[in-house]
N, C-alpha and C. Protein backbone atom coordinates (compact mmCIF):
# COMPACT_ATOMS: atom_id res chain seq x y z
N MET A 1 -1.94 -25.98 4.96
CA MET A 1 -1.76 -25.33 3.38
C MET A 1 -1.72 -24.17 4.19
N ARG A 2 -1.19 -23.40 2.77
CA ARG A 2 -1.55 -21.49 3.00
C ARG A 2 -2.68 -21.07 1.94
N GLU A 3 -3.45 -20.43 2.53
CA GLU A 3 -4.50 -20.17 1.95
C GLU A 3 -4.52 -18.91 0.48
N LYS A 4 -5.31 -19.27 -0.17
CA LYS A 4 -5.08 -18.59 -1.18
C LYS A 4 -5.80 -17.59 -1.25
N SER A 5 -5.12 -16.04 -2.21
CA SER A 5 -5.47 -14.89 -1.93
C SER A 5 -5.41 -14.64 -3.33
N LEU A 6 -6.01 -13.36 -3.75
CA LEU A 6 -5.88 -12.72 -5.08
C LEU A 6 -4.37 -11.82 -5.14
N LYS A 7 -4.29 -12.37 -6.50
CA LYS A 7 -2.96 -12.13 -6.84
C LYS A 7 -3.20 -10.94 -8.31
N LYS A 8 -1.94 -10.60 -8.25
CA LYS A 8 -1.59 -9.83 -9.79
C LYS A 8 -0.12 -10.58 -10.69
N VAL A 9 -0.54 -11.00 -11.54
CA VAL A 9 0.73 -11.97 -12.44
C VAL A 9 0.41 -10.85 -13.59
N ILE A 10 2.09 -10.73 -13.83
CA ILE A 10 2.61 -9.85 -14.60
C ILE A 10 3.76 -11.27 -16.16
N THR A 11 3.29 -11.45 -17.06
CA THR A 11 3.63 -12.92 -17.82
C THR A 11 4.25 -11.48 -18.71
N PHE A 12 5.32 -12.33 -19.47
CA PHE A 12 6.37 -12.06 -20.50
C PHE A 12 6.86 -12.64 -21.62
N ASN A 13 7.02 -12.28 -23.23
CA ASN A 13 7.08 -12.86 -23.87
C ASN A 13 8.55 -13.28 -24.00
N SER A 14 9.72 -13.38 -23.00
CA SER A 14 10.48 -13.89 -22.98
C SER A 14 11.63 -13.59 -21.98
N THR A 15 12.86 -14.69 -20.88
CA THR A 15 13.25 -14.76 -19.91
C THR A 15 13.94 -13.75 -19.66
N THR A 16 14.87 -12.90 -20.56
CA THR A 16 15.44 -11.26 -20.84
C THR A 16 14.39 -9.84 -20.09
N ASP A 17 12.91 -10.81 -20.35
CA ASP A 17 12.40 -9.54 -20.53
C ASP A 17 11.83 -9.26 -19.03
N ALA A 18 11.82 -10.76 -18.77
CA ALA A 18 11.12 -10.70 -17.11
C ALA A 18 12.79 -10.47 -16.23
N ILE A 19 13.81 -10.88 -16.56
CA ILE A 19 14.66 -10.92 -15.03
C ILE A 19 15.02 -9.16 -15.50
N GLY A 20 14.88 -8.73 -16.22
CA GLY A 20 14.91 -6.80 -16.46
C GLY A 20 14.07 -6.78 -15.94
N PHE A 21 12.59 -6.74 -15.47
CA PHE A 21 11.65 -6.48 -15.10
C PHE A 21 11.49 -6.87 -13.47
N GLU A 22 12.23 -7.51 -13.24
CA GLU A 22 12.67 -8.47 -11.69
C GLU A 22 13.55 -7.54 -10.80
N LYS A 23 14.97 -7.16 -11.95
CA LYS A 23 15.69 -6.21 -11.65
C LYS A 23 14.99 -4.32 -11.02
N TYR A 24 14.23 -4.26 -12.44
CA TYR A 24 13.67 -2.99 -12.00
C TYR A 24 12.70 -2.50 -10.81
N CYS A 25 12.29 -4.23 -10.34
CA CYS A 25 11.41 -4.02 -9.18
C CYS A 25 12.01 -3.65 -8.38
N HIS A 26 13.20 -4.58 -8.10
CA HIS A 26 14.08 -5.18 -6.41
C HIS A 26 14.67 -3.12 -6.98
N SER A 27 15.01 -2.85 -7.44
CA SER A 27 15.61 -1.30 -7.48
C SER A 27 14.67 -0.74 -7.30
N ASN A 28 13.44 -0.40 -7.30
CA ASN A 28 12.69 0.44 -7.24
C ASN A 28 11.72 0.08 -6.26
N GLY A 29 12.27 -0.78 -5.26
CA GLY A 29 11.28 -0.95 -4.01
C GLY A 29 9.59 -1.84 -4.67
N ILE A 30 9.25 -2.15 -5.96
CA ILE A 30 8.32 -2.57 -6.09
C ILE A 30 7.76 -3.83 -5.44
N PRO A 31 6.84 -4.36 -4.98
CA PRO A 31 6.79 -5.89 -4.16
C PRO A 31 6.63 -7.06 -5.16
N GLY A 32 7.46 -8.34 -4.42
CA GLY A 32 6.73 -8.94 -6.05
C GLY A 32 8.04 -10.00 -5.55
N ARG A 33 7.50 -11.18 -6.70
CA ARG A 33 8.40 -12.30 -6.95
C ARG A 33 8.65 -12.75 -8.20
N VAL A 34 9.40 -13.59 -9.11
CA VAL A 34 9.21 -14.27 -10.47
C VAL A 34 9.04 -15.74 -9.60
N ILE A 35 8.12 -16.49 -10.09
CA ILE A 35 7.16 -17.43 -10.51
C ILE A 35 7.42 -17.99 -11.84
N PRO A 36 7.14 -19.66 -11.31
CA PRO A 36 6.66 -20.13 -12.59
C PRO A 36 4.93 -19.89 -13.24
N VAL A 37 4.70 -19.42 -14.62
CA VAL A 37 3.57 -19.65 -15.12
C VAL A 37 2.83 -20.01 -13.93
N PRO A 38 1.58 -19.98 -13.60
CA PRO A 38 0.09 -20.87 -13.81
C PRO A 38 0.04 -21.64 -14.33
N ARG A 39 -0.32 -22.47 -14.31
CA ARG A 39 -1.27 -23.51 -15.03
C ARG A 39 -2.39 -22.72 -15.99
N GLN A 40 -3.25 -22.25 -15.35
CA GLN A 40 -4.15 -21.35 -16.22
C GLN A 40 -3.72 -20.35 -17.03
N LEU A 41 -2.42 -19.52 -17.39
CA LEU A 41 -1.68 -18.86 -18.10
C LEU A 41 -1.05 -19.82 -19.12
N SER A 42 -0.35 -19.16 -20.09
CA SER A 42 0.79 -19.65 -20.53
C SER A 42 1.60 -18.70 -21.01
N ALA A 43 3.05 -18.70 -20.98
CA ALA A 43 3.67 -17.42 -21.10
C ALA A 43 4.96 -17.85 -22.04
N SER A 44 5.38 -17.67 -23.06
CA SER A 44 6.57 -18.34 -23.90
C SER A 44 7.59 -18.39 -22.92
N CYS A 45 8.15 -17.80 -22.08
CA CYS A 45 9.66 -17.52 -20.98
C CYS A 45 8.91 -19.14 -19.77
N GLY A 46 7.69 -18.76 -19.11
CA GLY A 46 7.80 -19.69 -18.30
C GLY A 46 8.06 -19.28 -16.74
N ILE A 47 8.48 -18.07 -16.94
CA ILE A 47 8.41 -17.18 -15.75
C ILE A 47 7.27 -15.93 -15.51
N CYS A 48 7.09 -15.61 -14.44
CA CYS A 48 6.19 -14.05 -14.28
C CYS A 48 5.92 -14.03 -13.28
N TRP A 49 5.68 -12.27 -12.83
CA TRP A 49 5.95 -11.36 -11.73
C TRP A 49 4.85 -11.78 -11.08
N MET A 50 4.72 -12.03 -9.99
CA MET A 50 4.05 -12.44 -9.24
C MET A 50 4.02 -11.23 -7.40
N LEU A 51 2.77 -9.80 -7.51
CA LEU A 51 2.84 -9.67 -6.33
C LEU A 51 0.90 -9.12 -5.73
N PRO A 52 0.81 -9.30 -4.74
CA PRO A 52 -0.60 -9.00 -4.05
C PRO A 52 -1.21 -7.95 -4.58
N VAL A 53 -2.28 -8.38 -4.58
CA VAL A 53 -3.23 -7.50 -5.73
C VAL A 53 -3.18 -5.56 -4.91
N GLU A 54 -3.15 -6.03 -3.77
CA GLU A 54 -3.66 -4.12 -3.11
C GLU A 54 -2.37 -3.47 -3.27
N ASP A 55 -1.21 -4.13 -4.09
CA ASP A 55 0.22 -3.65 -4.03
C ASP A 55 0.45 -3.15 -5.47
N ALA A 56 -0.90 -3.25 -6.32
CA ALA A 56 -0.83 -2.92 -7.56
C ALA A 56 -1.11 -2.09 -8.51
N ALA A 57 -1.56 -1.35 -7.52
CA ALA A 57 -2.65 -0.31 -8.07
C ALA A 57 -2.22 0.46 -9.35
N SER A 58 -1.02 0.79 -9.35
CA SER A 58 -0.10 1.60 -10.43
C SER A 58 1.13 0.74 -11.10
N ILE A 59 0.73 -0.46 -11.04
CA ILE A 59 1.86 -1.23 -11.56
C ILE A 59 1.45 -0.79 -13.13
N GLU A 60 0.60 -0.73 -13.71
CA GLU A 60 1.25 -0.72 -15.00
C GLU A 60 1.19 0.67 -15.42
N GLU A 61 0.96 1.68 -14.52
CA GLU A 61 1.56 3.25 -15.08
C GLU A 61 3.07 3.24 -14.57
N THR A 62 3.39 2.01 -13.79
CA THR A 62 4.79 2.08 -13.63
C THR A 62 5.55 0.87 -14.62
N ILE A 63 5.19 0.02 -15.39
CA ILE A 63 5.47 -0.58 -16.04
C ILE A 63 5.80 0.33 -17.35
N THR A 64 4.87 1.06 -17.70
CA THR A 64 4.39 1.92 -19.10
C THR A 64 5.32 2.86 -19.12
N SER A 65 5.68 3.51 -17.75
CA SER A 65 6.36 4.91 -17.95
C SER A 65 8.33 4.34 -17.40
N ALA A 66 8.26 3.43 -17.40
CA ALA A 66 9.93 2.74 -17.58
C ALA A 66 9.94 2.10 -18.39
N GLY A 67 9.06 1.95 -19.49
CA GLY A 67 9.65 1.10 -21.04
C GLY A 67 9.76 -0.08 -21.08
N LEU A 68 9.29 -0.86 -19.68
CA LEU A 68 8.88 -2.09 -19.32
C LEU A 68 8.18 -2.82 -20.46
N SER A 69 9.00 -3.82 -21.28
CA SER A 69 8.13 -4.98 -22.13
C SER A 69 7.57 -6.07 -20.88
N TYR A 70 6.30 -6.46 -21.44
CA TYR A 70 5.60 -8.11 -21.10
C TYR A 70 4.48 -7.86 -21.70
N ALA A 71 3.43 -9.20 -21.61
CA ALA A 71 2.41 -9.98 -22.87
C ALA A 71 1.48 -10.07 -22.00
N GLY A 72 1.64 -9.84 -21.19
CA GLY A 72 -0.12 -9.72 -20.11
C GLY A 72 -0.43 -9.49 -18.41
N ILE A 73 -1.29 -9.27 -18.33
CA ILE A 73 -1.40 -8.64 -16.34
C ILE A 73 -2.54 -9.58 -16.73
N TYR A 74 -2.70 -10.21 -15.33
CA TYR A 74 -3.98 -10.67 -15.09
C TYR A 74 -4.33 -10.99 -13.10
N GLU A 75 -5.73 -11.22 -12.84
CA GLU A 75 -5.74 -11.36 -11.23
C GLU A 75 -6.08 -12.88 -11.16
N LEU A 76 -5.60 -13.68 -10.37
CA LEU A 76 -5.62 -14.93 -10.22
C LEU A 76 -5.87 -15.48 -8.90
N MET A 77 -6.14 -16.17 -8.04
CA MET A 77 -6.11 -16.50 -6.82
C MET A 77 -5.11 -17.86 -7.13
N LEU A 78 -4.16 -17.18 -6.31
CA LEU A 78 -3.30 -18.17 -6.00
C LEU A 78 -2.47 -18.07 -4.08
């Protein structure tokens, strides 16, 4: 079994927002991946972006400067 670690999770209001965020991250070398929204959270579209918390230092600034849309940003043990 995989050991849990602290992750940053970004939720979205729509699948379109999530896919746009994924494309932006892949194009700009931002680590992470799309996963189903963890049970502890809820989001309209059902998918979220997860990345290691140590790689997320400037993610909020990146999101804002790129004009990307999101619903919430959380830290969870996953």
